[in-house]
Amino acid sequence: PSGAGKLLVVPMVGSHWLSMQEVVEKLSERGHEVVVVMPEVSWHMEASQAYKVVTHPVTQPLEELDGTF
């Protein structure tokens, strides 16, 4: 047994987050206080009740991000 801790997660957008999301949610379920920092504009990153989300502004609108890729 161990005590729950605090975790700050600053993932890269895309596959990094897709790989981490399940782990972050499981840590939250086990009692850890999790804060995820994500950009205001993103394809894959979404808010969840499992963790607190803090967003940061970006200069690119979603349409421009779509056009880049």
Protein backbone atom coordinates (compact mmCIF):
# COMPACT_ATOMS: atom_id res chain seq x y z
CA PRO A 1 0.00 0.00 0.00
CA SER A 2 1.10 3.53 -0.70
CA GLY A 3 -0.33 6.99 -0.21
CA ALA A 4 -1.78 8.88 -3.13
CA GLY A 5 0.34 11.63 -4.64
CA LYS A 6 0.08 14.56 -6.95
CA LEU A 7 0.98 14.27 -10.61
CA LEU A 8 1.45 17.02 -13.20
CA VAL A 9 1.22 15.73 -16.78
CA VAL A 10 2.41 17.82 -19.73
CA PRO A 11 2.10 15.47 -22.72
CA MET A 12 3.00 16.13 -26.29
CA VAL A 13 -0.05 16.31 -28.54
CA GLY A 14 -0.89 13.19 -30.51
CA SER A 15 0.43 9.71 -29.98
CA HIS A 16 2.22 10.61 -26.74
CA TRP A 17 -1.08 11.53 -25.15
CA LEU A 18 -2.94 8.55 -26.62
CA SER A 19 -0.36 6.27 -25.01
CA MET A 20 -0.53 8.07 -21.65
CA GLN A 21 -4.24 8.74 -21.26
CA GLU A 22 -5.21 5.33 -19.90
CA VAL A 23 -2.34 5.36 -17.41
CA VAL A 24 -3.29 8.86 -16.22
CA GLU A 25 -6.92 7.77 -15.73
CA LYS A 26 -5.87 4.66 -13.77
CA LEU A 27 -3.63 6.73 -11.51
CA SER A 28 -6.56 9.05 -10.83
CA GLU A 29 -8.81 6.07 -10.02
CA ARG A 30 -6.21 4.92 -7.49
CA GLY A 31 -6.43 8.21 -5.63
CA HIS A 32 -3.71 10.32 -7.19
CA GLU A 33 -4.48 13.98 -7.80
CA VAL A 34 -3.72 14.49 -11.51
CA VAL A 35 -3.48 17.78 -13.41
CA VAL A 36 -3.06 17.61 -17.20
CA VAL A 37 -1.76 20.65 -19.09
CA MET A 38 -3.04 20.78 -22.66
CA PRO A 39 -3.33 23.34 -25.46
CA GLU A 40 -6.66 25.05 -26.13
CA VAL A 41 -6.58 23.62 -29.68
CA SER A 42 -5.96 19.90 -30.03
CA TRP A 43 -7.14 16.92 -32.06
CA HIS A 44 -6.94 14.16 -29.48
CA MET A 45 -6.73 15.75 -26.06
CA GLU A 46 -10.02 16.20 -24.21
CA ALA A 47 -11.11 17.03 -20.71
CA SER A 48 -12.15 14.21 -18.41
CA GLN A 49 -13.71 13.89 -14.99
CA ALA A 50 -10.80 11.62 -14.03
CA TYR A 51 -8.31 14.50 -13.91
CA LYS A 52 -8.15 18.29 -13.75
CA VAL A 53 -7.32 20.06 -17.01
CA VAL A 54 -5.39 23.31 -17.32
CA THR A 55 -5.27 24.75 -20.83
CA HIS A 56 -2.78 27.13 -22.34
CA PRO A 57 -3.41 29.43 -25.31
CA VAL A 58 -1.96 28.68 -28.72
CA THR A 59 -1.62 30.91 -31.76
CA GLN A 60 -2.89 28.34 -34.28
CA PRO A 61 -6.63 27.83 -34.86
CA LEU A 62 -7.81 24.27 -35.48
CA GLU A 63 -8.37 24.97 -39.19
CA GLU A 64 -4.73 26.01 -39.61
CA LEU A 65 -3.56 22.94 -37.70
CA ASP A 66 -5.68 20.75 -40.01
CA GLY A 67 -4.23 22.46 -43.09
CA THR A 68 -0.66 21.93 -41.91
CA PHE A 69 -1.12 18.18 -41.80
